[in-house]
Amino acid sequence: MRHPSVPESLEGWWILHRMFDFDRLSWDELPADERAAILKEASSALAALKDSEDSDLGLAQMVGHKADLMLTHYSRNYEGMAHAQMVFDKLRLANYLTPATSYVSVLELGLYEATGKIHATLKERDLKAGSPEWIQAFDEMVMAQAKIPHFGGRLWARIPQKRYVCFYPMDKKRGESVNWYTLPYEERAKLMIEHGKIGRTYHGLVNQVISGSIGFDKFEWGVDLYADDPMVFKKLIYEMRFDEASSKYGDFGDFYSGVQFSLDQLATYFDGTGVPALNVLESAAVG
């Protein structure tokens, strides 16, 4: 992105969220050996998606009426999301799950501050904006950001193995009287830097995964929060509501929250013998 008003971003995993309603009563009517065979098939197929350098899989039991189960698929390319969707839909298990909603996005690191510095550096070099030399230098400096270990690690981190998860989509307002996209770049950058400071005060308590969805879904961003204490979600989101970037310009969709669980807990969830557990030992990073 080379327009002076547009912040650059770095992209990593493609992310597909799928929420389902579960027909538990119909499932319970199946003979025990048939349920076991269906779950064995599902476990094998889902393990192939999870235990790969090119994909990852998260499972969560949702709390509330909007959905019963959430699958979070990570893929290194767009086709990988289509593959994961097809693999799951071919399972016999899918006969007992009705799609409730879904969300398509790509993990994103916004570079408001870095983009501003790049523009300033190119101006100091007396390069004409939009010229071939300016574009080449701009692209090289943006690509250099992707090589910073801190950024690279975040772009390709596996799904955080925290007990609780919260997902929600959001927009920046574009109304007639309040429009995020008509603010000067410097003002937007300042607001986002201040906004980010709040999140950093929760370092160690919550993992935030921000994904861009412009052109892929109804909202502009998706936000995943992962924590070992669900109360952290309330405190973090509430505090951010007082920040101007959210209070004045934020517009939020539905919130989905629940408990993450391990693939080896699939039978516990579907048979309803207890709340499925999260075994963090199974989730060693790959690649």
Protein backbone atom coordinates (compact mmCIF):
# COMPACT_ATOMS: atom_id res chain seq x y z
CA MET A 1 0.00 0.00 0.00
CA ARG A 2 1.68 3.19 -1.16
CA HIS A 3 -1.01 5.82 -0.70
CA PRO A 4 0.22 8.32 1.91
CA SER A 5 -2.99 7.94 3.95
CA VAL A 6 -2.92 4.15 4.05
CA PRO A 7 -0.98 2.31 6.80
CA GLU A 8 0.97 -0.72 5.65
CA SER A 9 0.42 -4.11 7.27
CA LEU A 10 2.11 -7.50 7.39
CA GLU A 11 0.07 -10.65 6.92
CA GLY A 12 0.57 -14.18 8.25
CA TRP A 13 -1.85 -17.07 8.76
CA TRP A 14 -5.16 -17.18 6.94
CA ILE A 15 -7.87 -17.74 9.56
CA LEU A 16 -11.25 -19.40 9.21
CA HIS A 17 -13.64 -19.40 12.16
CA ARG A 18 -16.61 -21.77 11.91
CA MET A 19 -19.39 -21.88 14.49
CA PHE A 20 -21.88 -24.75 14.67
CA ASP A 21 -25.06 -25.74 16.46
CA PHE A 22 -24.84 -29.30 17.78
CA ASP A 23 -27.83 -31.68 17.69
CA ARG A 24 -26.90 -33.38 20.95
CA LEU A 25 -30.17 -35.27 21.34
CA SER A 26 -29.84 -36.96 17.93
CA TRP A 27 -26.24 -37.75 18.70
CA ASP A 28 -27.17 -39.36 22.01
CA GLU A 29 -29.60 -41.68 20.22
CA LEU A 30 -26.76 -43.31 18.26
CA PRO A 31 -25.35 -46.62 19.53
CA ALA A 32 -22.13 -46.19 21.49
CA ASP A 33 -20.03 -48.12 18.94
CA GLU A 34 -21.29 -45.92 16.09
CA ARG A 35 -20.49 -42.74 18.02
CA ALA A 36 -17.00 -44.09 18.71
CA ALA A 37 -16.41 -44.88 15.03
CA ILE A 38 -17.57 -41.41 13.94
CA LEU A 39 -15.30 -39.72 16.48
CA LYS A 40 -12.33 -41.88 15.49
CA GLU A 41 -12.78 -40.78 11.89
CA ALA A 42 -13.07 -37.13 12.94
CA SER A 43 -10.05 -37.26 15.25
CA SER A 44 -7.85 -38.67 12.51
CA ALA A 45 -8.92 -36.05 9.96
CA LEU A 46 -8.63 -33.12 12.38
CA ALA A 47 -5.24 -34.30 13.65
CA ALA A 48 -3.91 -34.04 10.10
CA LEU A 49 -5.01 -30.39 10.00
CA LYS A 50 -3.56 -29.61 13.42
CA ASP A 51 -0.24 -31.46 13.31
CA SER A 52 1.12 -29.73 10.23
CA GLU A 53 3.60 -26.95 9.50
CA ASP A 54 1.09 -25.40 7.10
CA SER A 55 -2.01 -25.37 9.29
CA ASP A 56 -3.34 -25.39 12.84
CA LEU A 57 -6.68 -26.12 14.47
CA GLY A 58 -8.43 -24.83 17.58
CA LEU A 59 -11.53 -26.36 19.20
CA ALA A 60 -13.78 -24.51 21.62
CA GLN A 61 -17.05 -25.23 23.37
CA MET A 62 -19.09 -22.04 23.10
CA VAL A 63 -21.14 -20.71 25.99
CA GLY A 64 -24.52 -19.19 25.12
CA HIS A 65 -27.14 -19.76 22.42
CA LYS A 66 -25.34 -18.29 19.37
CA ALA A 67 -23.31 -21.48 18.77
CA ASP A 68 -22.24 -24.70 20.49
CA LEU A 69 -18.88 -25.38 18.88
CA MET A 70 -16.21 -23.19 17.26
CA LEU A 71 -13.46 -24.46 15.00
CA THR A 72 -10.57 -22.10 14.31
CA HIS A 73 -8.50 -23.07 11.27
CA TYR A 74 -5.11 -21.53 10.49
CA SER A 75 -3.61 -21.98 7.03
CA ARG A 76 -0.53 -20.65 5.25
CA ASN A 77 -2.58 -20.02 2.10
CA TYR A 78 -6.15 -19.26 1.13
CA GLU A 79 -6.71 -22.67 -0.43
CA GLY A 80 -5.84 -24.25 2.89
CA MET A 81 -8.99 -22.79 4.43
CA ALA A 82 -11.05 -24.29 1.62
CA HIS A 83 -9.32 -27.62 2.20
CA ALA A 84 -10.02 -27.56 5.95
CA GLN A 85 -13.67 -26.73 5.32
CA MET A 86 -14.02 -29.56 2.82
CA VAL A 87 -12.28 -32.10 5.07
CA PHE A 88 -14.57 -31.30 7.96
CA ASP A 89 -17.78 -31.22 5.91
CA LYS A 90 -17.09 -34.72 4.56
CA LEU A 91 -16.98 -36.19 8.06
CA ARG A 92 -19.96 -38.17 9.29
CA LEU A 93 -19.76 -35.96 12.37
CA ALA A 94 -20.94 -33.03 10.24
CA ASN A 95 -24.39 -34.65 10.02
CA TYR A 96 -24.98 -33.58 13.62
CA LEU A 97 -23.63 -30.04 13.26
CA THR A 98 -25.48 -27.14 11.62
CA PRO A 99 -23.44 -24.09 10.56
CA ALA A 100 -24.36 -21.07 12.70
CA THR A 101 -21.92 -18.54 11.24
CA SER A 102 -18.36 -18.22 10.00
CA TYR A 103 -15.64 -15.62 9.58
CA VAL A 104 -12.78 -15.33 7.08
CA SER A 105 -9.72 -13.16 7.74
CA VAL A 106 -5.93 -13.07 7.66
CA LEU A 107 -3.66 -12.46 10.64
CA GLU A 108 -2.48 -8.87 10.45
CA LEU A 109 0.12 -6.67 12.08
CA GLY A 110 -0.69 -3.01 11.50
CA LEU A 111 2.30 -0.75 10.84
CA TYR A 112 0.93 2.71 11.54
CA GLU A 113 4.08 3.94 13.24
CA ALA A 114 6.47 2.16 10.87
CA THR A 115 4.65 3.40 7.75
CA GLY A 116 4.87 6.98 8.99
CA LYS A 117 8.61 6.60 9.57
CA ILE A 118 9.08 5.11 6.09
CA HIS A 119 7.26 8.03 4.48
CA ALA A 120 9.41 10.47 6.46
CA THR A 121 12.62 8.69 5.48
CA LEU A 122 11.72 8.71 1.79
CA LYS A 123 10.91 12.40 2.01
CA GLU A 124 14.32 13.05 3.53
CA ARG A 125 15.87 11.23 0.56
CA ASP A 126 14.10 13.68 -1.75
CA LEU A 127 12.37 10.82 -3.57
CA LYS A 128 9.23 11.85 -5.42
CA ALA A 129 6.18 10.09 -4.00
CA GLY A 130 4.85 7.54 -6.45
CA SER A 131 7.97 7.47 -8.60
CA PRO A 132 9.54 4.07 -9.47
CA GLU A 133 12.46 4.82 -7.14
CA TRP A 134 10.09 5.79 -4.30
CA ILE A 135 7.97 2.66 -4.79
CA GLN A 136 11.01 0.37 -4.85
CA ALA A 137 12.46 1.92 -1.69
CA PHE A 138 9.07 1.82 0.04
CA ASP A 139 8.55 -1.88 -0.76
CA GLU A 140 12.06 -2.78 0.41
CA MET A 141 11.59 -0.98 3.73
CA VAL A 142 8.23 -2.62 4.34
CA MET A 143 9.63 -6.08 3.57
CA ALA A 144 12.44 -5.40 6.02
CA GLN A 145 9.80 -5.11 8.74
CA ALA A 146 8.71 -8.70 8.08
CA LYS A 147 12.25 -9.90 8.79
CA ILE A 148 12.25 -8.46 12.31
CA PRO A 149 12.11 -11.56 14.57
CA HIS A 150 9.42 -10.05 16.79
CA PHE A 151 7.09 -9.52 13.85
CA GLY A 152 7.85 -12.82 12.14
CA GLY A 153 7.17 -14.73 15.33
CA ARG A 154 3.77 -13.10 15.72
CA LEU A 155 2.77 -13.61 12.10
CA TRP A 156 3.26 -17.38 12.28
CA ALA A 157 2.57 -18.19 15.93
CA ARG A 158 0.37 -21.23 16.57
CA ILE A 159 -3.08 -20.84 18.11
CA PRO A 160 -2.50 -19.79 21.75
CA GLN A 161 -3.12 -22.64 24.15
CA LYS A 162 -5.09 -20.79 26.78
CA ARG A 163 -8.18 -22.21 28.42
CA TYR A 164 -10.63 -19.46 27.42
CA VAL A 165 -11.24 -17.81 24.06
CA CYS A 166 -13.24 -14.78 22.95
CA PHE A 167 -13.81 -13.84 19.31
CA TYR A 168 -15.52 -10.78 17.87
CA PRO A 169 -15.48 -8.77 14.62
CA MET A 170 -15.22 -4.99 14.49
CA ASP A 171 -15.20 -1.97 12.16
CA LYS A 172 -13.98 1.59 12.24
CA LYS A 173 -16.94 3.94 11.83
CA ARG A 174 -17.52 5.60 8.48
CA GLY A 175 -20.55 7.77 9.23
CA GLU A 176 -21.24 11.25 7.95
CA SER A 177 -20.24 12.97 11.19
CA VAL A 178 -17.67 10.46 12.50
CA ASN A 179 -15.44 8.84 9.88
CA TRP A 180 -12.19 7.13 10.81
CA TYR A 181 -10.99 7.10 7.22
CA THR A 182 -11.15 10.85 6.77
CA LEU A 183 -8.90 11.56 9.76
CA PRO A 184 -5.36 12.71 8.90
CA TYR A 185 -2.83 9.89 8.96
CA GLU A 186 -0.92 11.39 11.88
CA GLU A 187 -4.05 11.52 14.03
CA ARG A 188 -5.03 7.95 13.25
CA ALA A 189 -1.51 6.78 14.00
CA LYS A 190 -1.50 8.58 17.35
CA LEU A 191 -4.85 7.07 18.32
CA MET A 192 -3.74 3.55 17.41
CA ILE A 193 -0.49 3.87 19.31
CA GLU A 194 -2.42 4.97 22.42
CA HIS A 195 -4.92 2.15 21.84
CA GLY A 196 -2.11 -0.39 21.68
CA LYS A 197 -0.68 0.77 25.00
CA ILE A 198 -3.78 -0.52 26.80
CA GLY A 199 -3.36 -3.97 25.32
CA ARG A 200 0.29 -4.06 26.35
CA THR A 201 -0.66 -3.49 30.00
CA TYR A 202 -2.30 -6.93 29.83
CA HIS A 203 0.87 -8.61 28.58
CA GLY A 204 1.15 -12.10 30.05
CA LEU A 205 -2.56 -12.19 30.88
CA VAL A 206 -4.02 -12.34 27.39
CA ASN A 207 -2.93 -13.22 23.87
CA GLN A 208 -4.46 -11.01 21.18
CA VAL A 209 -4.71 -12.15 17.57
CA ILE A 210 -5.85 -9.39 15.20
CA SER A 211 -6.89 -10.38 11.69
CA GLY A 212 -7.92 -8.28 8.72
CA SER A 213 -11.14 -9.15 6.91
CA ILE A 214 -11.68 -6.27 4.49
CA GLY A 215 -12.78 -7.90 1.26
CA PHE A 216 -13.33 -11.27 2.94
CA ASP A 217 -16.20 -10.77 5.39
CA LYS A 218 -18.81 -8.34 6.69
CA PHE A 219 -16.60 -6.50 9.18
CA GLU A 220 -13.11 -5.11 8.71
CA TRP A 221 -11.25 -6.97 11.46
CA GLY A 222 -11.59 -10.04 13.60
CA VAL A 223 -10.22 -10.17 17.14
CA ASP A 224 -9.33 -13.33 19.06
CA LEU A 225 -8.48 -13.10 22.74
CA TYR A 226 -7.02 -16.04 24.67
CA ALA A 227 -6.55 -16.16 28.44
CA ASP A 228 -6.44 -18.48 31.44
CA ASP A 229 -8.96 -16.27 33.25
CA PRO A 230 -12.14 -15.29 31.37
CA MET A 231 -12.56 -12.16 33.50
CA VAL A 232 -9.58 -10.70 31.63
CA PHE A 233 -11.76 -10.36 28.52
CA LYS A 234 -14.26 -8.14 30.33
CA LYS A 235 -11.61 -5.95 31.93
CA LEU A 236 -9.53 -5.50 28.77
CA ILE A 237 -12.44 -4.77 26.43
CA TYR A 238 -14.13 -2.49 28.96
CA GLU A 239 -10.95 -0.48 29.49
CA MET A 240 -10.45 -0.15 25.74
CA ARG A 241 -13.97 1.26 25.37
CA PHE A 242 -12.74 4.42 27.12
CA ASP A 243 -9.98 4.84 24.57
CA GLU A 244 -10.92 7.26 21.76
CA ALA A 245 -10.05 4.81 18.98
CA SER A 246 -12.84 2.56 20.33
CA SER A 247 -15.22 4.94 22.11
CA LYS A 248 -15.57 7.25 19.13
CA TYR A 249 -14.61 5.15 16.13
CA GLY A 250 -15.18 1.50 17.10
CA ASP A 251 -18.17 -0.54 15.91
CA PHE A 252 -18.48 -4.12 17.18
CA GLY A 253 -20.24 -7.27 16.04
CA ASP A 254 -21.36 -10.26 18.11
CA PHE A 255 -19.05 -11.67 20.78
CA TYR A 256 -18.42 -15.42 21.00
CA SER A 257 -16.75 -16.88 24.07
CA GLY A 258 -16.07 -20.34 25.41
CA VAL A 259 -13.54 -22.90 26.57
CA GLN A 260 -10.82 -24.34 24.37
CA PHE A 261 -10.27 -28.08 24.50
CA SER A 262 -7.83 -30.61 23.11
CA LEU A 263 -8.48 -32.92 20.21
CA ASP A 264 -8.20 -35.93 22.52
CA GLN A 265 -11.22 -34.53 24.38
CA LEU A 266 -13.53 -34.82 21.36
CA ALA A 267 -15.52 -37.69 22.87
CA THR A 268 -15.89 -35.87 26.18
CA TYR A 269 -17.46 -32.92 24.39
CA PHE A 270 -19.73 -34.79 22.00
CA ASP A 271 -20.85 -37.44 24.48
CA GLY A 272 -21.42 -34.78 27.12
CA THR A 273 -19.63 -36.62 29.92
CA GLY A 274 -18.07 -33.39 31.18
CA VAL A 275 -16.62 -30.09 30.11
CA PRO A 276 -13.70 -31.03 27.81
CA ALA A 277 -10.23 -30.15 29.06
CA LEU A 278 -7.30 -28.40 27.40
CA ASN A 279 -4.11 -30.42 27.36
CA VAL A 280 -1.43 -27.83 26.62
CA LEU A 281 1.25 -30.49 26.24
CA GLU A 282 -0.22 -31.62 22.93
CA SER A 283 0.28 -28.23 21.31
CA ALA A 284 4.06 -27.94 20.87
CA ALA A 285 4.87 -25.38 18.18
CA VAL A 286 5.51 -26.68 14.69
CA GLY A 287 7.73 -24.79 12.23
